[in-house]
């Protein structure tokens, strides 16, 4: 349609309707979004496994933390992870509706379509906001109170931060497991026929890391 006429008939407005096709720049940004997302998820899994060493012994966790601090990997890695989070969020925000109208439309379409993968996108968008805000707070609190020790981590949990991590933990694990599944679907690694199997793997990944995280939080809660 090349023109639009108002109901009063007093004037007409020329308008050109066109759809902008994704270009090479969009492809590069999508690749960067995928790489930063995958890198953050791998970091979080490694971080979870290292912190969970407290379940075996607080001394082991302290030794690992000391290694990262002596080598300045904690001091440098923390800010790098934070800026990677910001970059990843900015790239992903290109496709997230922030206006109320857009959010209502996405919600209505998700309910209308009854499509599981559409709901997974909604879950990932919601958890992205939680992880960005709460993850940034966590990074700031930890890096502003070096050195990292099992005793300090336990103190935070016991002094009322437990609820904070009970929200952050499932948000991170949901965002990560759903993210890996959606990366596989988007870039063709997961074919249509393989989606049910991939979703089972996604659920197993979520359950395993949630269990590790909850056991770790319990260990901190009762660490003397």
Protein backbone atom coordinates (compact mmCIF):
# COMPACT_ATOMS: atom_id res chain seq x y z
CA UNK A 1 0.00 0.00 0.00
CA UNK A 2 1.50 3.33 -1.05
CA UNK A 3 -0.87 5.76 0.64
CA UNK A 4 -3.00 6.07 3.71
CA UNK A 5 -6.24 8.10 3.85
CA UNK A 6 -7.77 9.24 7.12
CA UNK A 7 -11.41 8.63 7.90
CA UNK A 8 -12.35 12.31 7.56
CA UNK A 9 -11.25 12.30 3.93
CA UNK A 10 -9.57 15.67 4.36
CA UNK A 11 -6.12 14.55 3.44
CA UNK A 12 -4.03 11.61 2.28
CA UNK A 13 -0.52 10.67 3.37
CA UNK A 14 1.98 8.92 1.15
CA UNK A 15 3.74 6.07 2.86
CA UNK A 16 5.99 3.36 1.59
CA UNK A 17 5.62 -0.03 3.21
CA UNK A 18 8.63 -2.30 2.99
CA UNK A 19 10.32 -5.04 4.94
CA UNK A 20 14.03 -4.76 5.64
CA UNK A 21 15.76 -8.04 4.91
CA UNK A 22 18.53 -9.15 7.29
CA UNK A 23 21.95 -8.36 5.88
CA UNK A 24 25.51 -9.49 6.47
CA UNK A 25 25.80 -7.18 9.48
CA UNK A 26 22.87 -8.94 11.16
CA UNK A 27 24.49 -12.32 10.52
CA UNK A 28 27.74 -11.16 12.15
CA UNK A 29 25.85 -9.81 15.15
CA UNK A 30 23.92 -13.08 15.48
CA UNK A 31 27.18 -15.03 15.44
CA UNK A 32 28.66 -12.73 18.08
CA UNK A 33 25.53 -13.14 20.19
CA UNK A 34 25.81 -16.91 19.91
CA UNK A 35 29.53 -16.97 20.77
CA UNK A 36 29.20 -14.65 23.78
CA UNK A 37 26.19 -16.61 25.03
CA UNK A 38 27.89 -19.97 24.66
CA UNK A 39 31.01 -18.61 26.34
CA UNK A 40 29.02 -17.29 29.31
CA UNK A 41 27.20 -20.59 29.75
CA UNK A 42 30.45 -22.56 29.69
CA UNK A 43 31.92 -20.16 32.23
CA UNK A 44 28.92 -20.57 34.53
CA UNK A 45 29.13 -24.35 34.38
CA UNK A 46 32.85 -24.25 35.20
CA UNK A 47 32.18 -21.70 37.95
CA UNK A 48 29.46 -23.94 39.41
CA UNK A 49 31.73 -26.98 39.46
CA UNK A 50 34.59 -25.05 41.09
CA UNK A 51 32.39 -23.50 43.78
CA UNK A 52 30.74 -26.86 44.46
CA UNK A 53 34.16 -28.14 45.55
CA UNK A 54 33.14 -26.78 48.97
CA UNK A 55 30.88 -29.81 49.27
CA UNK A 56 34.00 -32.00 49.36
CA UNK A 57 36.04 -29.62 51.51
CA UNK A 58 36.15 -25.84 52.15
CA UNK A 59 39.95 -26.09 51.94
CA UNK A 60 39.71 -27.29 48.35
CA UNK A 61 37.51 -24.33 47.40
CA UNK A 62 39.88 -21.92 49.17
CA UNK A 63 42.87 -23.40 47.34
CA UNK A 64 41.15 -23.06 43.96
CA UNK A 65 40.11 -19.46 44.75
CA UNK A 66 43.65 -18.61 45.86
CA UNK A 67 45.05 -19.96 42.59
CA UNK A 68 42.74 -17.74 40.55
CA UNK A 69 43.62 -14.70 42.64
CA UNK A 70 47.39 -15.27 42.67
CA UNK A 71 47.33 -15.58 38.88
CA UNK A 72 45.03 -12.50 38.67
CA UNK A 73 42.47 -14.54 36.76
CA UNK A 74 39.78 -13.50 39.24
CA UNK A 75 40.66 -9.80 39.16
CA UNK A 76 40.80 -9.72 35.36
CA UNK A 77 38.26 -12.42 34.59
CA UNK A 78 35.49 -10.87 36.68
CA UNK A 79 35.34 -7.58 34.73
CA UNK A 80 35.74 -9.48 31.44
CA UNK A 81 32.74 -11.67 32.29
CA UNK A 82 30.73 -8.60 33.28
CA UNK A 83 31.44 -6.76 30.00
CA UNK A 84 30.72 -9.96 28.05
CA UNK A 85 27.34 -10.10 29.79
CA UNK A 86 26.63 -6.50 28.77
CA UNK A 87 27.64 -7.13 25.15
CA UNK A 88 25.55 -10.31 24.99
CA UNK A 89 22.53 -8.52 26.45
CA UNK A 90 22.83 -5.61 23.99
CA UNK A 91 23.00 -8.04 21.08
CA UNK A 92 20.04 -10.06 22.35
CA UNK A 93 18.03 -6.90 23.14
CA UNK A 94 17.71 -6.24 19.41
CA UNK A 95 14.96 -8.86 19.36
CA UNK A 96 13.35 -8.28 22.75
CA UNK A 97 10.27 -6.00 22.86
CA UNK A 98 10.62 -3.46 25.69
CA UNK A 99 7.42 -1.54 25.04
CA UNK A 100 4.19 -2.72 26.66
CA UNK A 101 2.49 -3.16 23.27
CA UNK A 102 5.21 -5.47 22.00
CA UNK A 103 5.22 -7.51 25.20
CA UNK A 104 1.45 -7.95 25.06
CA UNK A 105 1.71 -9.08 21.44
CA UNK A 106 4.42 -11.64 22.20
CA UNK A 107 2.42 -12.96 25.17
CA UNK A 108 -0.77 -13.20 23.11
CA UNK A 109 1.00 -15.01 20.27
CA UNK A 110 2.66 -17.45 22.65
CA UNK A 111 -0.72 -18.36 24.19
CA UNK A 112 -2.40 -18.58 20.80
CA UNK A 113 0.22 -20.74 19.09
CA UNK A 114 0.66 -23.28 21.92
CA UNK A 115 4.21 -23.76 20.63
CA UNK A 116 6.78 -24.99 23.16
CA UNK A 117 9.75 -23.30 21.48
CA UNK A 118 7.94 -19.95 21.55
CA UNK A 119 7.48 -20.29 25.31
CA UNK A 120 11.16 -21.17 25.63
CA UNK A 121 12.00 -17.84 23.97
CA UNK A 122 9.77 -16.06 26.49
CA UNK A 123 11.49 -17.89 29.37
CA UNK A 124 14.89 -16.96 28.02
CA UNK A 125 13.95 -13.29 27.62
CA UNK A 126 12.62 -13.08 31.20
CA UNK A 127 15.57 -14.92 32.75
CA UNK A 128 17.97 -12.70 30.75
CA UNK A 129 16.79 -9.64 32.67
CA UNK A 130 17.10 -11.46 36.01
CA UNK A 131 20.59 -12.77 35.25
CA UNK A 132 21.82 -9.38 34.00
CA UNK A 133 20.69 -7.52 37.13
CA UNK A 134 21.38 -10.13 39.81
CA UNK A 135 24.50 -11.48 38.12
CA UNK A 136 25.99 -7.98 38.03
CA UNK A 137 25.26 -7.55 41.73
CA UNK A 138 26.89 -10.89 42.51
CA UNK A 139 30.03 -10.03 40.55
CA UNK A 140 30.33 -6.64 42.26
CA UNK A 141 29.85 -8.10 45.76
CA UNK A 142 32.42 -10.85 45.23
CA UNK A 143 35.10 -8.72 43.54
CA UNK A 144 34.75 -5.91 46.09
CA UNK A 145 35.44 -8.35 48.93
CA UNK A 146 38.51 -10.29 47.81
CA UNK A 147 39.98 -12.75 48.59
CA UNK A 148 37.27 -15.29 47.85
CA UNK A 149 36.91 -17.86 50.62
CA UNK A 150 34.41 -20.54 51.55
CA UNK A 151 33.83 -18.76 54.86
CA UNK A 152 32.84 -15.50 53.16
CA UNK A 153 30.52 -17.28 50.75
CA UNK A 154 28.91 -19.16 53.62
CA UNK A 155 28.50 -15.92 55.59
CA UNK A 156 26.62 -14.29 52.72
CA UNK A 157 24.21 -17.22 52.48
CA UNK A 158 23.70 -17.37 56.24
CA UNK A 159 23.24 -13.61 56.60
CA UNK A 160 20.22 -13.44 54.31
CA UNK A 161 21.57 -13.74 50.75
CA UNK A 162 20.23 -17.27 50.43
CA UNK A 163 16.98 -16.06 48.80
CA UNK A 164 19.07 -14.06 46.30
CA UNK A 165 20.88 -17.17 45.08
CA UNK A 166 17.68 -19.24 45.11
CA UNK A 167 16.38 -16.83 42.45
CA UNK A 168 19.64 -16.38 40.56
CA UNK A 169 20.49 -20.10 40.39
CA UNK A 170 17.41 -21.38 38.49
CA UNK A 171 17.40 -18.25 36.30
CA UNK A 172 20.98 -18.91 35.19
CA UNK A 173 20.43 -22.62 34.64
CA UNK A 174 17.18 -22.06 32.72
CA UNK A 175 18.74 -19.37 30.57
CA UNK A 176 21.80 -21.50 29.86
CA UNK A 177 20.10 -24.80 29.07
CA UNK A 178 17.39 -23.16 26.95
CA UNK A 179 20.04 -21.05 25.25
CA UNK A 180 22.08 -24.04 24.14
CA UNK A 181 18.95 -25.74 22.81
CA UNK A 182 17.88 -22.64 20.86
CA UNK A 183 21.40 -22.18 19.46
CA UNK A 184 21.27 -25.73 18.15
CA UNK A 185 17.85 -25.20 16.55
CA UNK A 186 18.66 -21.78 15.06
CA UNK A 187 21.94 -22.79 13.47
CA UNK A 188 20.79 -26.18 12.24
CA UNK A 189 22.72 -28.39 14.67
CA UNK A 190 19.42 -29.76 15.94
CA UNK A 191 17.08 -30.98 13.21
CA UNK A 192 13.30 -31.00 13.55
CA UNK A 193 13.21 -34.75 14.16
CA UNK A 194 15.85 -34.42 16.89
CA UNK A 195 14.07 -31.73 18.91
CA UNK A 196 12.33 -34.08 21.40
CA UNK A 197 15.66 -35.77 22.21
CA UNK A 198 17.42 -32.41 22.46
CA UNK A 199 14.77 -31.15 24.88
CA UNK A 200 15.34 -34.19 27.09
CA UNK A 201 19.06 -33.42 27.13
CA UNK A 202 18.22 -29.79 27.96
CA UNK A 203 16.04 -30.90 30.89
CA UNK A 204 18.75 -33.25 32.17
CA UNK A 205 21.36 -30.47 32.00
CA UNK A 206 19.07 -28.16 33.93
CA UNK A 207 18.31 -30.79 36.58
CA UNK A 208 21.96 -31.77 37.06
CA UNK A 209 23.28 -28.24 37.54
CA UNK A 210 20.31 -27.25 39.68
CA UNK A 211 21.04 -30.21 41.95
CA UNK A 212 24.72 -29.26 42.16
CA UNK A 213 23.80 -25.65 42.94
CA UNK A 214 21.26 -26.52 45.62
CA UNK A 215 23.63 -28.94 47.35
CA UNK A 216 26.32 -26.24 47.29
CA UNK A 217 23.95 -23.68 48.82
CA UNK A 218 22.99 -26.16 51.54
CA UNK A 219 26.68 -26.74 52.29
CA UNK A 220 27.23 -23.01 52.67
CA UNK A 221 24.10 -22.69 54.82
CA UNK A 222 25.44 -25.19 57.35
CA UNK A 223 29.15 -24.41 57.09
CA UNK A 224 30.44 -23.47 60.53
